[in-house]
Amino acid sequence: MWIVIAAWLASILVFCSFFMKTMIPLRIVAITSNVAFIAYALLGLNYGVFGRLYPILILHSCLLPLNVLRLRELRRLITAVREASDADALEALVPYMTTEERHKGDVLFTAGDPSDKLYVIQSGRVVFPELDKRVSAGEVFGEVGLFALQQVRTVTAICEDDCRLATITGDKVLELYYENPRFGLFLIRLVSGYMRQSREIGAPGVA
């Protein structure tokens, strides 16, 4: 009787895992499923069928610590992102970016251009004439248009000084977002931080 219950419970948990939309609930269900399958295999000792079930015991005995490890890694990542400053988030993104040297007076983009890059200023200043706004080293711009539905620039960006810029294309952002959870979470942390700052000072985001 118990072996049947364990088998059904393990099967139901595997079935439920296919409906999980986020990773933490998925890992928790997977861990519970591993435990249920291990119990199912061990109960086979009492029913004389362990010889047919020991592969299940071996498989889920290996999967259980793996799922526990991945769950712990995910929780640590989420904690790190929550506790990170905007500077920490920016530092995590820069290795994925390329560097551009631009001269004073260079136009980076104009209103109506396709929004295809996110910029981080490493040195120099960039001015947005329509907004009478300047950004300097350590600041991010171009993120609004990158994630907007229309994906077009709403203002013009001009180098007020010689500038060194770190840039990343929209396509690369999407690629890394899906491939690297750490990149994706820090990107969300970074963009939300700068958009929050813009709201607090009453300035619109720069597209």
Protein backbone atom coordinates (compact mmCIF):
# COMPACT_ATOMS: atom_id res chain seq x y z
CA MET A 1 0.00 0.00 0.00
CA TRP A 2 2.69 2.52 1.02
CA ILE A 3 4.77 1.81 -2.05
CA VAL A 4 1.77 2.63 -4.25
CA ILE A 5 1.16 5.89 -2.38
CA ALA A 6 4.85 6.85 -2.72
CA ALA A 7 4.78 6.06 -6.44
CA TRP A 8 1.67 8.17 -7.03
CA LEU A 9 3.00 11.05 -4.92
CA ALA A 10 6.31 11.08 -6.78
CA SER A 11 4.53 10.99 -10.15
CA ILE A 12 2.15 13.82 -9.19
CA LEU A 13 5.07 15.98 -8.07
CA VAL A 14 6.86 15.44 -11.39
CA PHE A 15 3.65 16.36 -13.20
CA CYS A 16 3.28 19.52 -11.09
CA SER A 17 6.85 20.59 -11.84
CA PHE A 18 5.87 21.18 -15.47
CA PHE A 19 3.44 23.90 -14.33
CA MET A 20 6.02 25.86 -12.34
CA LYS A 21 6.73 29.23 -13.97
CA THR A 22 9.59 30.35 -11.72
CA MET A 23 12.78 28.59 -10.67
CA ILE A 24 12.51 28.57 -6.87
CA PRO A 25 9.12 26.76 -6.76
CA LEU A 26 10.39 24.43 -9.50
CA ARG A 27 13.47 23.48 -7.47
CA ILE A 28 11.40 22.96 -4.31
CA VAL A 29 8.97 20.67 -6.13
CA ALA A 30 11.89 18.82 -7.73
CA ILE A 31 13.51 18.27 -4.32
CA THR A 32 10.23 16.95 -2.90
CA SER A 33 9.86 14.69 -5.92
CA ASN A 34 13.40 13.35 -5.41
CA VAL A 35 12.59 12.50 -1.80
CA ALA A 36 9.36 10.78 -2.83
CA PHE A 37 11.13 8.68 -5.47
CA ILE A 38 13.85 7.71 -2.99
CA ALA A 39 11.16 6.61 -0.51
CA TYR A 40 9.41 4.69 -3.28
CA ALA A 41 12.60 2.83 -4.16
CA LEU A 42 13.45 2.03 -0.53
CA LEU A 43 9.95 0.73 0.11
CA GLY A 44 10.72 -1.79 -2.58
CA LEU A 45 12.87 -3.57 0.01
CA ASN A 46 9.74 -4.44 1.99
CA TYR A 47 7.88 -5.65 -1.08
CA GLY A 48 10.65 -7.67 -2.67
CA VAL A 49 10.90 -5.48 -5.76
CA PHE A 50 13.98 -3.44 -4.89
CA GLY A 51 15.95 -5.13 -7.66
CA ARG A 52 13.74 -3.39 -10.18
CA LEU A 53 13.74 -0.06 -8.38
CA TYR A 54 17.36 0.53 -7.41
CA PRO A 55 18.10 2.52 -10.63
CA ILE A 56 15.43 4.99 -9.45
CA LEU A 57 17.15 5.17 -6.05
CA ILE A 58 20.52 5.91 -7.63
CA LEU A 59 19.11 8.51 -10.04
CA HIS A 60 17.21 10.52 -7.45
CA SER A 61 19.95 10.16 -4.83
CA CYS A 62 22.15 12.01 -7.34
CA LEU A 63 19.51 14.55 -8.36
CA LEU A 64 18.57 15.48 -4.78
CA PRO A 65 21.87 17.16 -3.78
CA LEU A 66 22.08 18.79 -7.22
CA ASN A 67 18.65 20.39 -6.84
CA VAL A 68 19.49 21.48 -3.28
CA LEU A 69 22.73 23.06 -4.54
CA ARG A 70 20.98 24.91 -7.37
CA LEU A 71 18.29 26.18 -4.99
CA ARG A 72 20.92 27.53 -2.60
CA GLU A 73 22.81 29.20 -5.47
CA LEU A 74 19.61 30.87 -6.69
CA ARG A 75 18.75 32.14 -3.23
CA ARG A 76 22.27 33.52 -2.78
CA LEU A 77 22.04 35.26 -6.17
CA ILE A 78 18.71 36.88 -5.30
CA THR A 79 20.09 38.03 -1.94
CA ALA A 80 23.19 39.47 -3.62
CA VAL A 81 21.07 41.41 -6.13
CA ARG A 82 18.78 42.78 -3.41
CA GLU A 83 21.72 43.96 -1.33
CA ALA A 84 23.77 45.32 -4.23
CA SER A 85 24.17 49.03 -4.78
CA ASP A 86 23.70 50.56 -8.21
CA ALA A 87 27.51 50.74 -8.47
CA ASP A 88 27.76 47.00 -7.78
CA ALA A 89 25.15 46.28 -10.45
CA LEU A 90 26.97 48.50 -12.93
CA GLU A 91 30.29 46.74 -12.22
CA ALA A 92 28.63 43.39 -12.93
CA LEU A 93 27.43 44.55 -16.36
CA VAL A 94 30.55 46.28 -17.69
CA PRO A 95 32.46 43.04 -18.56
CA TYR A 96 29.78 42.26 -21.15
CA MET A 97 30.08 45.67 -22.82
CA THR A 98 32.39 47.13 -25.47
CA THR A 99 34.25 50.43 -25.18
CA GLU A 100 33.86 53.36 -27.56
CA GLU A 101 36.03 56.50 -27.68
CA ARG A 102 34.03 59.52 -28.86
CA HIS A 103 35.13 63.13 -29.40
CA LYS A 104 33.65 66.36 -28.12
CA GLY A 105 30.67 67.34 -30.28
CA ASP A 106 29.99 63.81 -31.57
CA VAL A 107 26.28 63.05 -31.87
CA LEU A 108 25.57 59.64 -30.36
CA PHE A 109 21.96 59.57 -31.53
CA THR A 110 19.13 61.90 -32.44
CA ALA A 111 15.42 61.83 -31.69
CA GLY A 112 13.69 59.26 -33.89
CA ASP A 113 16.76 57.03 -34.34
CA PRO A 114 16.38 53.31 -33.59
CA SER A 115 17.15 52.62 -29.96
CA ASP A 116 19.71 49.82 -30.19
CA LYS A 117 22.27 50.47 -27.43
CA LEU A 118 22.55 51.06 -23.71
CA TYR A 119 25.41 53.38 -22.66
CA VAL A 120 27.51 53.70 -19.52
CA ILE A 121 29.78 56.76 -19.27
CA GLN A 122 33.28 55.85 -18.14
CA SER A 123 34.70 59.36 -18.62
CA GLY A 124 33.44 62.66 -19.99
CA ARG A 125 29.94 64.14 -20.15
CA VAL A 126 26.97 63.75 -22.47
CA VAL A 127 24.31 66.42 -22.92
CA PHE A 128 20.65 66.06 -23.99
CA PRO A 129 19.66 69.46 -25.45
CA GLU A 130 15.88 68.87 -25.42
CA LEU A 131 15.98 68.14 -21.70
CA ASP A 132 18.76 70.58 -20.75
CA LYS A 133 20.28 67.64 -18.90
CA ARG A 134 23.82 66.32 -18.56
CA VAL A 135 25.14 62.96 -17.40
CA SER A 136 28.70 62.20 -16.40
CA ALA A 137 31.02 59.34 -15.45
CA GLY A 138 29.30 56.37 -13.81
CA GLU A 139 25.85 57.17 -15.18
CA VAL A 140 23.70 55.12 -17.55
CA PHE A 141 21.56 56.38 -20.43
CA GLY A 142 19.70 54.91 -23.37
CA GLU A 143 17.94 52.29 -21.28
CA VAL A 144 14.45 53.74 -21.65
CA GLY A 145 14.35 53.55 -25.44
CA LEU A 146 16.00 50.12 -25.37
CA PHE A 147 13.12 48.63 -23.42
CA ALA A 148 10.31 50.82 -24.74
CA LEU A 149 7.70 49.31 -27.06
CA GLN A 150 8.56 51.62 -29.99
CA GLN A 151 12.33 51.28 -29.44
CA VAL A 152 13.13 54.73 -30.84
CA ARG A 153 15.09 57.58 -29.30
CA THR A 154 13.04 60.46 -27.96
CA VAL A 155 15.95 62.89 -27.48
CA THR A 156 19.35 63.74 -28.94
CA ALA A 157 22.60 62.82 -27.16
CA ILE A 158 25.80 64.81 -27.81
CA CYS A 159 29.25 64.39 -26.28
CA GLU A 160 30.00 67.56 -24.35
CA ASP A 161 33.60 66.41 -23.82
CA ASP A 162 35.81 63.68 -25.19
CA CYS A 163 34.09 60.57 -23.86
CA ARG A 164 34.83 56.94 -23.20
CA LEU A 165 31.61 54.94 -23.26
CA ALA A 166 30.80 51.34 -22.48
CA THR A 167 27.99 50.12 -24.72
CA ILE A 168 25.93 47.02 -25.20
CA THR A 169 23.44 46.33 -28.00
CA GLY A 170 19.81 45.47 -27.42
CA ASP A 171 20.26 42.07 -29.04
CA LYS A 172 23.20 41.27 -26.74
CA VAL A 173 21.17 42.36 -23.72
CA LEU A 174 18.38 39.94 -24.63
CA GLU A 175 20.85 37.12 -25.34
CA LEU A 176 22.60 37.53 -21.99
CA TYR A 177 19.32 38.06 -20.16
CA TYR A 178 18.17 34.57 -21.14
CA GLU A 179 21.56 32.86 -20.89
CA ASN A 180 22.88 34.37 -17.66
CA PRO A 181 20.49 34.86 -14.72
CA ARG A 182 23.09 36.95 -12.89
CA PHE A 183 23.31 39.39 -15.81
CA GLY A 184 19.52 39.57 -16.10
CA LEU A 185 18.93 40.28 -12.43
CA PHE A 186 21.68 42.89 -12.22
CA LEU A 187 20.38 44.55 -15.38
CA ILE A 188 16.91 44.85 -13.85
CA ARG A 189 18.48 46.14 -10.63
CA LEU A 190 20.55 48.72 -12.51
CA VAL A 191 17.82 50.04 -14.81
CA SER A 192 15.21 50.21 -12.05
CA GLY A 193 17.69 52.10 -9.85
CA TYR A 194 18.36 54.77 -12.46
CA MET A 195 14.71 55.10 -13.38
CA ARG A 196 13.88 55.53 -9.68
CA GLN A 197 16.51 58.25 -9.40
CA SER A 198 15.02 60.03 -12.43
CA ARG A 199 11.56 60.02 -10.84
CA GLU A 200 12.91 61.29 -7.51
CA ILE A 201 14.59 64.32 -9.11
CA GLY A 202 11.64 64.95 -11.43
CA ALA A 203 13.59 64.33 -14.63
CA PRO A 204 12.39 62.05 -17.41
CA GLY A 205 14.40 58.98 -18.32
CA VAL A 206 16.74 59.32 -21.25
CA ALA A 207 15.79 57.30 -24.32
